[in-house]
Amino acid sequence: VGDDSRVRVVYTGVPLFDLGMREPLR
């Protein structure tokens, strides 16, 4: 676009999975 003033970066968020459920689900 030839314009840096309007461009931003936002990292996408994801749910932090409950690792305590790993073994039964696995």
mmCIF file of all heavy atoms, coordinates in Angstrom:
data_MODEL
# 
_entry.id   MODEL 
# 
loop_
_atom_site.group_PDB 
_atom_site.id 
_atom_site.type_symbol 
_atom_site.label_atom_id 
_atom_site.label_alt_id 
_atom_site.label_comp_id 
_atom_site.label_asym_id 
_atom_site.label_entity_id 
_atom_site.label_seq_id 
_atom_site.pdbx_PDB_ins_code 
_atom_site.Cartn_x 
_atom_site.Cartn_y 
_atom_site.Cartn_z 
_atom_site.occupancy 
_atom_site.B_iso_or_equiv 
_atom_site.pdbx_formal_charge 
_atom_site.auth_seq_id 
_atom_site.auth_comp_id 
_atom_site.auth_asym_id 
_atom_site.auth_atom_id 
_atom_site.pdbx_PDB_model_num 
ATOM 1   N N   . VAL A 1 1  ? 0.821   -1.222  0.000  1.00 0.00 ? 1  VAL A N   1 
ATOM 2   C CA  . VAL A 1 1  ? 0.000   0.000   0.000  1.00 0.00 ? 1  VAL A CA  1 
ATOM 3   C C   . VAL A 1 1  ? 0.849   1.263   0.000  1.00 0.00 ? 1  VAL A C   1 
ATOM 4   O O   . VAL A 1 1  ? 0.331   2.364   -0.226 1.00 0.00 ? 1  VAL A O   1 
ATOM 5   C CB  . VAL A 1 1  ? -0.973  0.022   1.201  1.00 0.00 ? 1  VAL A CB  1 
ATOM 6   C CG1 . VAL A 1 1  ? -1.921  -1.151  1.132  1.00 0.00 ? 1  VAL A CG1 1 
ATOM 7   C CG2 . VAL A 1 1  ? -0.226  0.037   2.524  1.00 0.00 ? 1  VAL A CG2 1 
ATOM 8   N N   . GLY A 1 2  ? 2.161   1.132   0.270  1.00 0.00 ? 2  GLY A N   1 
ATOM 9   C CA  . GLY A 1 2  ? 3.032   2.300   0.273  1.00 0.00 ? 2  GLY A CA  1 
ATOM 10  C C   . GLY A 1 2  ? 2.780   3.253   1.416  1.00 0.00 ? 2  GLY A C   1 
ATOM 11  O O   . GLY A 1 2  ? 3.007   4.453   1.296  1.00 0.00 ? 2  GLY A O   1 
ATOM 12  N N   . ASP A 1 3  ? 2.297   2.715   2.553  1.00 0.00 ? 3  ASP A N   1 
ATOM 13  C CA  . ASP A 1 3  ? 1.962   3.572   3.691  1.00 0.00 ? 3  ASP A CA  1 
ATOM 14  C C   . ASP A 1 3  ? 2.138   2.775   4.973  1.00 0.00 ? 3  ASP A C   1 
ATOM 15  O O   . ASP A 1 3  ? 1.395   1.831   5.231  1.00 0.00 ? 3  ASP A O   1 
ATOM 16  C CB  . ASP A 1 3  ? 0.509   4.064   3.566  1.00 0.00 ? 3  ASP A CB  1 
ATOM 17  C CG  . ASP A 1 3  ? 0.087   4.950   4.726  1.00 0.00 ? 3  ASP A CG  1 
ATOM 18  O OD1 . ASP A 1 3  ? 0.938   5.273   5.579  1.00 0.00 ? 3  ASP A OD1 1 
ATOM 19  O OD2 . ASP A 1 3  ? -1.099  5.318   4.779  1.00 0.00 ? 3  ASP A OD2 1 
ATOM 20  N N   . ASP A 1 4  ? 3.130   3.144   5.775  1.00 0.00 ? 4  ASP A N   1 
ATOM 21  C CA  . ASP A 1 4  ? 3.390   2.431   7.025  1.00 0.00 ? 4  ASP A CA  1 
ATOM 22  C C   . ASP A 1 4  ? 2.568   2.977   8.183  1.00 0.00 ? 4  ASP A C   1 
ATOM 23  O O   . ASP A 1 4  ? 2.397   2.308   9.202  1.00 0.00 ? 4  ASP A O   1 
ATOM 24  C CB  . ASP A 1 4  ? 4.881   2.521   7.374  1.00 0.00 ? 4  ASP A CB  1 
ATOM 25  C CG  . ASP A 1 4  ? 5.244   1.642   8.552  1.00 0.00 ? 4  ASP A CG  1 
ATOM 26  O OD1 . ASP A 1 4  ? 4.745   0.503   8.615  1.00 0.00 ? 4  ASP A OD1 1 
ATOM 27  O OD2 . ASP A 1 4  ? 6.020   2.091   9.414  1.00 0.00 ? 4  ASP A OD2 1 
ATOM 28  N N   . SER A 1 5  ? 2.021   4.178   8.053  1.00 0.00 ? 5  SER A N   1 
ATOM 29  C CA  . SER A 1 5  ? 1.357   4.833   9.179  1.00 0.00 ? 5  SER A CA  1 
ATOM 30  C C   . SER A 1 5  ? 0.062   4.138   9.589  1.00 0.00 ? 5  SER A C   1 
ATOM 31  O O   . SER A 1 5  ? -0.380  4.281   10.729 1.00 0.00 ? 5  SER A O   1 
ATOM 32  C CB  . SER A 1 5  ? 1.059   6.297   8.831  1.00 0.00 ? 5  SER A CB  1 
ATOM 33  O OG  . SER A 1 5  ? 0.112   6.384   7.771  1.00 0.00 ? 5  SER A OG  1 
ATOM 34  N N   . ARG A 1 6  ? -0.551  3.385   8.672  1.00 0.00 ? 6  ARG A N   1 
ATOM 35  C CA  . ARG A 1 6  ? -1.829  2.736   8.990  1.00 0.00 ? 6  ARG A CA  1 
ATOM 36  C C   . ARG A 1 6  ? -1.703  1.239   9.238  1.00 0.00 ? 6  ARG A C   1 
ATOM 37  O O   . ARG A 1 6  ? -2.714  0.576   9.477  1.00 0.00 ? 6  ARG A O   1 
ATOM 38  C CB  . ARG A 1 6  ? -2.831  2.957   7.850  1.00 0.00 ? 6  ARG A CB  1 
ATOM 39  C CG  . ARG A 1 6  ? -3.281  4.394   7.681  1.00 0.00 ? 6  ARG A CG  1 
ATOM 40  C CD  . ARG A 1 6  ? -4.429  4.490   6.695  1.00 0.00 ? 6  ARG A CD  1 
ATOM 41  N NE  . ARG A 1 6  ? -4.065  4.068   5.352  1.00 0.00 ? 6  ARG A NE  1 
ATOM 42  C CZ  . ARG A 1 6  ? -4.737  3.159   4.642  1.00 0.00 ? 6  ARG A CZ  1 
ATOM 43  N NH1 . ARG A 1 6  ? -5.785  2.567   5.149  1.00 0.00 ? 6  ARG A NH1 1 
ATOM 44  N NH2 . ARG A 1 6  ? -4.344  2.847   3.413  1.00 0.00 ? 6  ARG A NH2 1 
ATOM 45  N N   . VAL A 1 7  ? -0.504  0.692   9.163  1.00 0.00 ? 7  VAL A N   1 
ATOM 46  C CA  . VAL A 1 7  ? -0.331  -0.753  9.271  1.00 0.00 ? 7  VAL A CA  1 
ATOM 47  C C   . VAL A 1 7  ? 0.079   -1.123  10.697 1.00 0.00 ? 7  VAL A C   1 
ATOM 48  O O   . VAL A 1 7  ? 1.005   -0.544  11.260 1.00 0.00 ? 7  VAL A O   1 
ATOM 49  C CB  . VAL A 1 7  ? 0.712   -1.262  8.263  1.00 0.00 ? 7  VAL A CB  1 
ATOM 50  C CG1 . VAL A 1 7  ? 0.888   -2.775  8.391  1.00 0.00 ? 7  VAL A CG1 1 
ATOM 51  C CG2 . VAL A 1 7  ? 0.294   -0.898  6.837  1.00 0.00 ? 7  VAL A CG2 1 
ATOM 52  N N   . ARG A 1 8  ? -0.614  -2.096  11.262 1.00 0.00 ? 8  ARG A N   1 
ATOM 53  C CA  . ARG A 1 8  ? -0.342  -2.554  12.622 1.00 0.00 ? 8  ARG A CA  1 
ATOM 54  C C   . ARG A 1 8  ? -0.204  -4.071  12.645 1.00 0.00 ? 8  ARG A C   1 
ATOM 55  O O   . ARG A 1 8  ? -0.687  -4.764  11.766 1.00 0.00 ? 8  ARG A O   1 
ATOM 56  C CB  . ARG A 1 8  ? -1.487  -2.150  13.566 1.00 0.00 ? 8  ARG A CB  1 
ATOM 57  C CG  . ARG A 1 8  ? -1.808  -0.672  13.603 1.00 0.00 ? 8  ARG A CG  1 
ATOM 58  C CD  . ARG A 1 8  ? -0.732  0.112   14.343 1.00 0.00 ? 8  ARG A CD  1 
ATOM 59  N NE  . ARG A 1 8  ? -1.150  1.489   14.570 1.00 0.00 ? 8  ARG A NE  1 
ATOM 60  C CZ  . ARG A 1 8  ? -0.993  2.467   13.703 1.00 0.00 ? 8  ARG A CZ  1 
ATOM 61  N NH1 . ARG A 1 8  ? -0.418  2.220   12.529 1.00 0.00 ? 8  ARG A NH1 1 
ATOM 62  N NH2 . ARG A 1 8  ? -1.384  3.699   13.978 1.00 0.00 ? 8  ARG A NH2 1 
ATOM 63  N N   . VAL A 1 9  ? 0.431   -4.589  13.702 1.00 0.00 ? 9  VAL A N   1 
ATOM 64  C CA  . VAL A 1 9  ? 0.544   -6.024  13.931 1.00 0.00 ? 9  VAL A CA  1 
ATOM 65  C C   . VAL A 1 9  ? -0.133  -6.371  15.251 1.00 0.00 ? 9  VAL A C   1 
ATOM 66  O O   . VAL A 1 9  ? 0.138   -5.731  16.273 1.00 0.00 ? 9  VAL A O   1 
ATOM 67  C CB  . VAL A 1 9  ? 2.020   -6.479  13.971 1.00 0.00 ? 9  VAL A CB  1 
ATOM 68  C CG1 . VAL A 1 9  ? 2.135   -7.907  14.493 1.00 0.00 ? 9  VAL A CG1 1 
ATOM 69  C CG2 . VAL A 1 9  ? 2.648   -6.382  12.595 1.00 0.00 ? 9  VAL A CG2 1 
ATOM 70  N N   . VAL A 1 10 ? -1.019  -7.356  15.220 1.00 0.00 ? 10 VAL A N   1 
ATOM 71  C CA  . VAL A 1 10 ? -1.632  -7.884  16.444 1.00 0.00 ? 10 VAL A CA  1 
ATOM 72  C C   . VAL A 1 10 ? -1.545  -9.402  16.386 1.00 0.00 ? 10 VAL A C   1 
ATOM 73  O O   . VAL A 1 10 ? -2.064  -10.024 15.455 1.00 0.00 ? 10 VAL A O   1 
ATOM 74  C CB  . VAL A 1 10 ? -3.109  -7.455  16.586 1.00 0.00 ? 10 VAL A CB  1 
ATOM 75  C CG1 . VAL A 1 10 ? -3.740  -8.157  17.789 1.00 0.00 ? 10 VAL A CG1 1 
ATOM 76  C CG2 . VAL A 1 10 ? -3.225  -5.943  16.737 1.00 0.00 ? 10 VAL A CG2 1 
ATOM 77  N N   . TYR A 1 11 ? -0.894  -10.000 17.360 1.00 0.00 ? 11 TYR A N   1 
ATOM 78  C CA  . TYR A 1 11 ? -0.798  -11.457 17.403 1.00 0.00 ? 11 TYR A CA  1 
ATOM 79  C C   . TYR A 1 11 ? -2.164  -12.062 17.728 1.00 0.00 ? 11 TYR A C   1 
ATOM 80  O O   . TYR A 1 11 ? -2.881  -11.594 18.606 1.00 0.00 ? 11 TYR A O   1 
ATOM 81  C CB  . TYR A 1 11 ? 0.214   -11.903 18.446 1.00 0.00 ? 11 TYR A CB  1 
ATOM 82  C CG  . TYR A 1 11 ? 1.651   -11.772 18.021 1.00 0.00 ? 11 TYR A CG  1 
ATOM 83  C CD1 . TYR A 1 11 ? 2.674   -11.680 18.955 1.00 0.00 ? 11 TYR A CD1 1 
ATOM 84  C CD2 . TYR A 1 11 ? 1.998   -11.741 16.676 1.00 0.00 ? 11 TYR A CD2 1 
ATOM 85  C CE1 . TYR A 1 11 ? 4.006   -11.574 18.569 1.00 0.00 ? 11 TYR A CE1 1 
ATOM 86  C CE2 . TYR A 1 11 ? 3.324   -11.629 16.275 1.00 0.00 ? 11 TYR A CE2 1 
ATOM 87  C CZ  . TYR A 1 11 ? 4.316   -11.538 17.226 1.00 0.00 ? 11 TYR A CZ  1 
ATOM 88  O OH  . TYR A 1 11 ? 5.626   -11.433 16.832 1.00 0.00 ? 11 TYR A OH  1 
ATOM 89  N N   . THR A 1 12 ? -2.495  -13.114 17.022 1.00 0.00 ? 12 THR A N   1 
ATOM 90  C CA  . THR A 1 12 ? -3.743  -13.822 17.245 1.00 0.00 ? 12 THR A CA  1 
ATOM 91  C C   . THR A 1 12 ? -3.697  -14.555 18.577 1.00 0.00 ? 12 THR A C   1 
ATOM 92  O O   . THR A 1 12 ? -2.672  -15.142 18.943 1.00 0.00 ? 12 THR A O   1 
ATOM 93  C CB  . THR A 1 12 ? -3.984  -14.833 16.111 1.00 0.00 ? 12 THR A CB  1 
ATOM 94  O OG1 . THR A 1 12 ? -4.000  -14.128 14.869 1.00 0.00 ? 12 THR A OG1 1 
ATOM 95  C CG2 . THR A 1 12 ? -5.307  -15.563 16.295 1.00 0.00 ? 12 THR A CG2 1 
ATOM 96  N N   . GLY A 1 13 ? -4.802  -14.533 19.304 1.00 0.00 ? 13 GLY A N   1 
ATOM 97  C CA  . GLY A 1 13 ? -4.892  -15.251 20.566 1.00 0.00 ? 13 GLY A CA  1 
ATOM 98  C C   . GLY A 1 13 ? -5.587  -16.596 20.386 1.00 0.00 ? 13 GLY A C   1 
ATOM 99  O O   . GLY A 1 13 ? -6.446  -16.758 19.524 1.00 0.00 ? 13 GLY A O   1 
ATOM 100 N N   . VAL A 1 14 ? -5.191  -17.560 21.181 1.00 0.00 ? 14 VAL A N   1 
ATOM 101 C CA  . VAL A 1 14 ? -5.824  -18.880 21.164 1.00 0.00 ? 14 VAL A CA  1 
ATOM 102 C C   . VAL A 1 14 ? -6.136  -19.285 22.607 1.00 0.00 ? 14 VAL A C   1 
ATOM 103 O O   . VAL A 1 14 ? -5.512  -18.790 23.548 1.00 0.00 ? 14 VAL A O   1 
ATOM 104 C CB  . VAL A 1 14 ? -4.922  -19.949 20.517 1.00 0.00 ? 14 VAL A CB  1 
ATOM 105 C CG1 . VAL A 1 14 ? -4.779  -19.707 19.029 1.00 0.00 ? 14 VAL A CG1 1 
ATOM 106 C CG2 . VAL A 1 14 ? -3.553  -20.005 21.185 1.00 0.00 ? 14 VAL A CG2 1 
ATOM 107 N N   . PRO A 1 15 ? -7.109  -20.182 22.791 1.00 0.00 ? 15 PRO A N   1 
ATOM 108 C CA  . PRO A 1 15 ? -7.379  -20.646 24.159 1.00 0.00 ? 15 PRO A CA  1 
ATOM 109 C C   . PRO A 1 15 ? -6.190  -21.419 24.710 1.00 0.00 ? 15 PRO A C   1 
ATOM 110 O O   . PRO A 1 15 ? -5.514  -22.141 23.970 1.00 0.00 ? 15 PRO A O   1 
ATOM 111 C CB  . PRO A 1 15 ? -8.598  -21.562 23.970 1.00 0.00 ? 15 PRO A CB  1 
ATOM 112 C CG  . PRO A 1 15 ? -8.565  -21.978 22.534 1.00 0.00 ? 15 PRO A CG  1 
ATOM 113 C CD  . PRO A 1 15 ? -7.982  -20.823 21.795 1.00 0.00 ? 15 PRO A CD  1 
ATOM 114 N N   . LEU A 1 16 ? -5.923  -21.228 25.974 1.00 0.00 ? 16 LEU A N   1 
ATOM 115 C CA  . LEU A 1 16 ? -4.861  -21.990 26.627 1.00 0.00 ? 16 LEU A CA  1 
ATOM 116 C C   . LEU A 1 16 ? -5.483  -23.279 27.155 1.00 0.00 ? 16 LEU A C   1 
ATOM 117 O O   . LEU A 1 16 ? -6.205  -23.283 28.143 1.00 0.00 ? 16 LEU A O   1 
ATOM 118 C CB  . LEU A 1 16 ? -4.228  -21.168 27.753 1.00 0.00 ? 16 LEU A CB  1 
ATOM 119 C CG  . LEU A 1 16 ? -3.499  -19.903 27.276 1.00 0.00 ? 16 LEU A CG  1 
ATOM 120 C CD1 . LEU A 1 16 ? -3.007  -19.081 28.460 1.00 0.00 ? 16 LEU A CD1 1 
ATOM 121 C CD2 . LEU A 1 16 ? -2.340  -20.268 26.349 1.00 0.00 ? 16 LEU A CD2 1 
ATOM 122 N N   . PHE A 1 17 ? -5.225  -24.368 26.445 1.00 0.00 ? 17 PHE A N   1 
ATOM 123 C CA  . PHE A 1 17 ? -5.865  -25.638 26.758 1.00 0.00 ? 17 PHE A CA  1 
ATOM 124 C C   . PHE A 1 17 ? -5.443  -26.152 28.132 1.00 0.00 ? 17 PHE A C   1 
ATOM 125 O O   . PHE A 1 17 ? -4.300  -25.958 28.565 1.00 0.00 ? 17 PHE A O   1 
ATOM 126 C CB  . PHE A 1 17 ? -5.523  -26.674 25.685 1.00 0.00 ? 17 PHE A CB  1 
ATOM 127 C CG  . PHE A 1 17 ? -5.979  -26.298 24.308 1.00 0.00 ? 17 PHE A CG  1 
ATOM 128 C CD1 . PHE A 1 17 ? -5.106  -26.354 23.230 1.00 0.00 ? 17 PHE A CD1 1 
ATOM 129 C CD2 . PHE A 1 17 ? -7.276  -25.874 24.078 1.00 0.00 ? 17 PHE A CD2 1 
ATOM 130 C CE1 . PHE A 1 17 ? -5.518  -26.020 21.952 1.00 0.00 ? 17 PHE A CE1 1 
ATOM 131 C CE2 . PHE A 1 17 ? -7.707  -25.528 22.813 1.00 0.00 ? 17 PHE A CE2 1 
ATOM 132 C CZ  . PHE A 1 17 ? -6.825  -25.593 21.747 1.00 0.00 ? 17 PHE A CZ  1 
ATOM 133 N N   . ASP A 1 18 ? -6.363  -26.824 28.789 1.00 0.00 ? 18 ASP A N   1 
ATOM 134 C CA  . ASP A 1 18 ? -6.108  -27.410 30.107 1.00 0.00 ? 18 ASP A CA  1 
ATOM 135 C C   . ASP A 1 18 ? -5.265  -28.673 29.941 1.00 0.00 ? 18 ASP A C   1 
ATOM 136 O O   . ASP A 1 18 ? -5.764  -29.718 29.535 1.00 0.00 ? 18 ASP A O   1 
ATOM 137 C CB  . ASP A 1 18 ? -7.448  -27.732 30.781 1.00 0.00 ? 18 ASP A CB  1 
ATOM 138 C CG  . ASP A 1 18 ? -7.270  -28.325 32.171 1.00 0.00 ? 18 ASP A CG  1 
ATOM 139 O OD1 . ASP A 1 18 ? -6.107  -28.457 32.633 1.00 0.00 ? 18 ASP A OD1 1 
ATOM 140 O OD2 . ASP A 1 18 ? -8.290  -28.680 32.799 1.00 0.00 ? 18 ASP A OD2 1 
ATOM 141 N N   . LEU A 1 19 ? -3.991  -28.563 30.261 1.00 0.00 ? 19 LEU A N   1 
ATOM 142 C CA  . LEU A 1 19 ? -3.094  -29.709 30.083 1.00 0.00 ? 19 LEU A CA  1 
ATOM 143 C C   . LEU A 1 19 ? -3.414  -30.852 31.037 1.00 0.00 ? 19 LEU A C   1 
ATOM 144 O O   . LEU A 1 19 ? -2.973  -31.992 30.821 1.00 0.00 ? 19 LEU A O   1 
ATOM 145 C CB  . LEU A 1 19 ? -1.640  -29.269 30.263 1.00 0.00 ? 19 LEU A CB  1 
ATOM 146 C CG  . LEU A 1 19 ? -1.135  -28.207 29.267 1.00 0.00 ? 19 LEU A CG  1 
ATOM 147 C CD1 . LEU A 1 19 ? 0.352   -27.927 29.490 1.00 0.00 ? 19 LEU A CD1 1 
ATOM 148 C CD2 . LEU A 1 19 ? -1.387  -28.614 27.831 1.00 0.00 ? 19 LEU A CD2 1 
ATOM 149 N N   . GLY A 1 20 ? -4.201  -30.563 32.058 1.00 0.00 ? 20 GLY A N   1 
ATOM 150 C CA  . GLY A 1 20 ? -4.619  -31.624 32.964 1.00 0.00 ? 20 GLY A CA  1 
ATOM 151 C C   . GLY A 1 20 ? -5.553  -32.622 32.298 1.00 0.00 ? 20 GLY A C   1 
ATOM 152 O O   . GLY A 1 20 ? -5.737  -33.744 32.804 1.00 0.00 ? 20 GLY A O   1 
ATOM 153 N N   . MET A 1 21 ? -6.138  -32.235 31.154 1.00 0.00 ? 21 MET A N   1 
ATOM 154 C CA  . MET A 1 21 ? -7.037  -33.133 30.424 1.00 0.00 ? 21 MET A CA  1 
ATOM 155 C C   . MET A 1 21 ? -6.292  -33.948 29.374 1.00 0.00 ? 21 MET A C   1 
ATOM 156 O O   . MET A 1 21 ? -6.894  -34.757 28.676 1.00 0.00 ? 21 MET A O   1 
ATOM 157 C CB  . MET A 1 21 ? -8.129  -32.304 29.733 1.00 0.00 ? 21 MET A CB  1 
ATOM 158 C CG  . MET A 1 21 ? -9.079  -31.614 30.683 1.00 0.00 ? 21 MET A CG  1 
ATOM 159 S SD  . MET A 1 21 ? -10.024 -32.825 31.647 1.00 0.00 ? 21 MET A SD  1 
ATOM 160 C CE  . MET A 1 21 ? -10.945 -33.648 30.345 1.00 0.00 ? 21 MET A CE  1 
ATOM 161 N N   . ARG A 1 22 ? -4.978  -33.742 29.276 1.00 0.00 ? 22 ARG A N   1 
ATOM 162 C CA  . ARG A 1 22 ? -4.235  -34.381 28.202 1.00 0.00 ? 22 ARG A CA  1 
ATOM 163 C C   . ARG A 1 22 ? -4.340  -35.910 28.236 1.00 0.00 ? 22 ARG A C   1 
ATOM 164 O O   . ARG A 1 22 ? -4.673  -36.537 27.224 1.00 0.00 ? 22 ARG A O   1 
ATOM 165 C CB  . ARG A 1 22 ? -2.759  -33.981 28.255 1.00 0.00 ? 22 ARG A CB  1 
ATOM 166 C CG  . ARG A 1 22 ? -1.956  -34.538 27.081 1.00 0.00 ? 22 ARG A CG  1 
ATOM 167 C CD  . ARG A 1 22 ? -0.473  -34.655 27.427 1.00 0.00 ? 22 ARG A CD  1 
ATOM 168 N NE  . ARG A 1 22 ? 0.114   -33.402 27.810 1.00 0.00 ? 22 ARG A NE  1 
ATOM 169 C CZ  . ARG A 1 22 ? 0.739   -32.557 26.979 1.00 0.00 ? 22 ARG A CZ  1 
ATOM 170 N NH1 . ARG A 1 22 ? 0.833   -32.856 25.700 1.00 0.00 ? 22 ARG A NH1 1 
ATOM 171 N NH2 . ARG A 1 22 ? 1.274   -31.451 27.444 1.00 0.00 ? 22 ARG A NH2 1 
ATOM 172 N N   . GLU A 1 23 ? -4.035  -36.525 29.380 1.00 0.00 ? 23 GLU A N   1 
ATOM 173 C CA  . GLU A 1 23 ? -3.935  -37.983 29.419 1.00 0.00 ? 23 GLU A CA  1 
ATOM 174 C C   . GLU A 1 23 ? -5.260  -38.688 29.115 1.00 0.00 ? 23 GLU A C   1 
ATOM 175 O O   . GLU A 1 23 ? -5.285  -39.623 28.313 1.00 0.00 ? 23 GLU A O   1 
ATOM 176 C CB  . GLU A 1 23 ? -3.354  -38.434 30.757 1.00 0.00 ? 23 GLU A CB  1 
ATOM 177 C CG  . GLU A 1 23 ? -1.880  -38.071 30.924 1.00 0.00 ? 23 GLU A CG  1 
ATOM 178 C CD  . GLU A 1 23 ? -1.029  -38.498 29.730 1.00 0.00 ? 23 GLU A CD  1 
ATOM 179 O OE1 . GLU A 1 23 ? -1.197  -39.650 29.249 1.00 0.00 ? 23 GLU A OE1 1 
ATOM 180 O OE2 . GLU A 1 23 ? -0.201  -37.699 29.278 1.00 0.00 ? 23 GLU A OE2 1 
ATOM 181 N N   . PRO A 1 24 ? -6.384  -38.289 29.736 1.00 0.00 ? 24 PRO A N   1 
ATOM 182 C CA  . PRO A 1 24 ? -7.630  -38.992 29.391 1.00 0.00 ? 24 PRO A CA  1 
ATOM 183 C C   . PRO A 1 24 ? -8.056  -38.787 27.940 1.00 0.00 ? 24 PRO A C   1 
ATOM 184 O O   . PRO A 1 24 ? -8.506  -39.740 27.289 1.00 0.00 ? 24 PRO A O   1 
ATOM 185 C CB  . PRO A 1 24 ? -8.656  -38.415 30.371 1.00 0.00 ? 24 PRO A CB  1 
ATOM 186 C CG  . PRO A 1 24 ? -8.050  -37.157 30.896 1.00 0.00 ? 24 PRO A CG  1 
ATOM 187 C CD  . PRO A 1 24 ? -6.586  -37.360 30.864 1.00 0.00 ? 24 PRO A CD  1 
ATOM 188 N N   . LEU A 1 25 ? -7.894  -37.567 27.420 1.00 0.00 ? 25 LEU A N   1 
ATOM 189 C CA  . LEU A 1 25 ? -8.255  -37.320 26.023 1.00 0.00 ? 25 LEU A CA  1 
ATOM 190 C C   . LEU A 1 25 ? -7.299  -38.050 25.081 1.00 0.00 ? 25 LEU A C   1 
ATOM 191 O O   . LEU A 1 25 ? -7.715  -38.570 24.034 1.00 0.00 ? 25 LEU A O   1 
ATOM 192 C CB  . LEU A 1 25 ? -8.244  -35.818 25.734 1.00 0.00 ? 25 LEU A CB  1 
ATOM 193 C CG  . LEU A 1 25 ? -9.376  -34.996 26.344 1.00 0.00 ? 25 LEU A CG  1 
ATOM 194 C CD1 . LEU A 1 25 ? -9.191  -33.516 26.028 1.00 0.00 ? 25 LEU A CD1 1 
ATOM 195 C CD2 . LEU A 1 25 ? -10.737 -35.466 25.831 1.00 0.00 ? 25 LEU A CD2 1 
ATOM 196 N N   . ARG A 1 26 ? -6.030  -38.091 25.447 1.00 0.00 ? 26 ARG A N   1 
ATOM 197 C CA  . ARG A 1 26 ? -5.036  -38.770 24.623 1.00 0.00 ? 26 ARG A CA  1 
ATOM 198 C C   . ARG A 1 26 ? -5.357  -40.265 24.520 1.00 0.00 ? 26 ARG A C   1 
ATOM 199 O O   . ARG A 1 26 ? -5.365  -40.849 23.427 1.00 0.00 ? 26 ARG A O   1 
ATOM 200 C CB  . ARG A 1 26 ? -3.648  -38.562 25.244 1.00 0.00 ? 26 ARG A CB  1 
ATOM 201 C CG  . ARG A 1 26 ? -2.497  -39.276 24.518 1.00 0.00 ? 26 ARG A CG  1 
ATOM 202 C CD  . ARG A 1 26 ? -1.199  -39.031 25.265 1.00 0.00 ? 26 ARG A CD  1 
ATOM 203 N NE  . ARG A 1 26 ? -0.079  -39.757 24.682 1.00 0.00 ? 26 ARG A NE  1 
ATOM 204 C CZ  . ARG A 1 26 ? 0.680   -39.320 23.679 1.00 0.00 ? 26 ARG A CZ  1 
ATOM 205 N NH1 . ARG A 1 26 ? 0.419   -38.156 23.115 1.00 0.00 ? 26 ARG A NH1 1 
ATOM 206 N NH2 . ARG A 1 26 ? 1.691   -40.033 23.221 1.00 0.00 ? 26 ARG A NH2 1 
# 
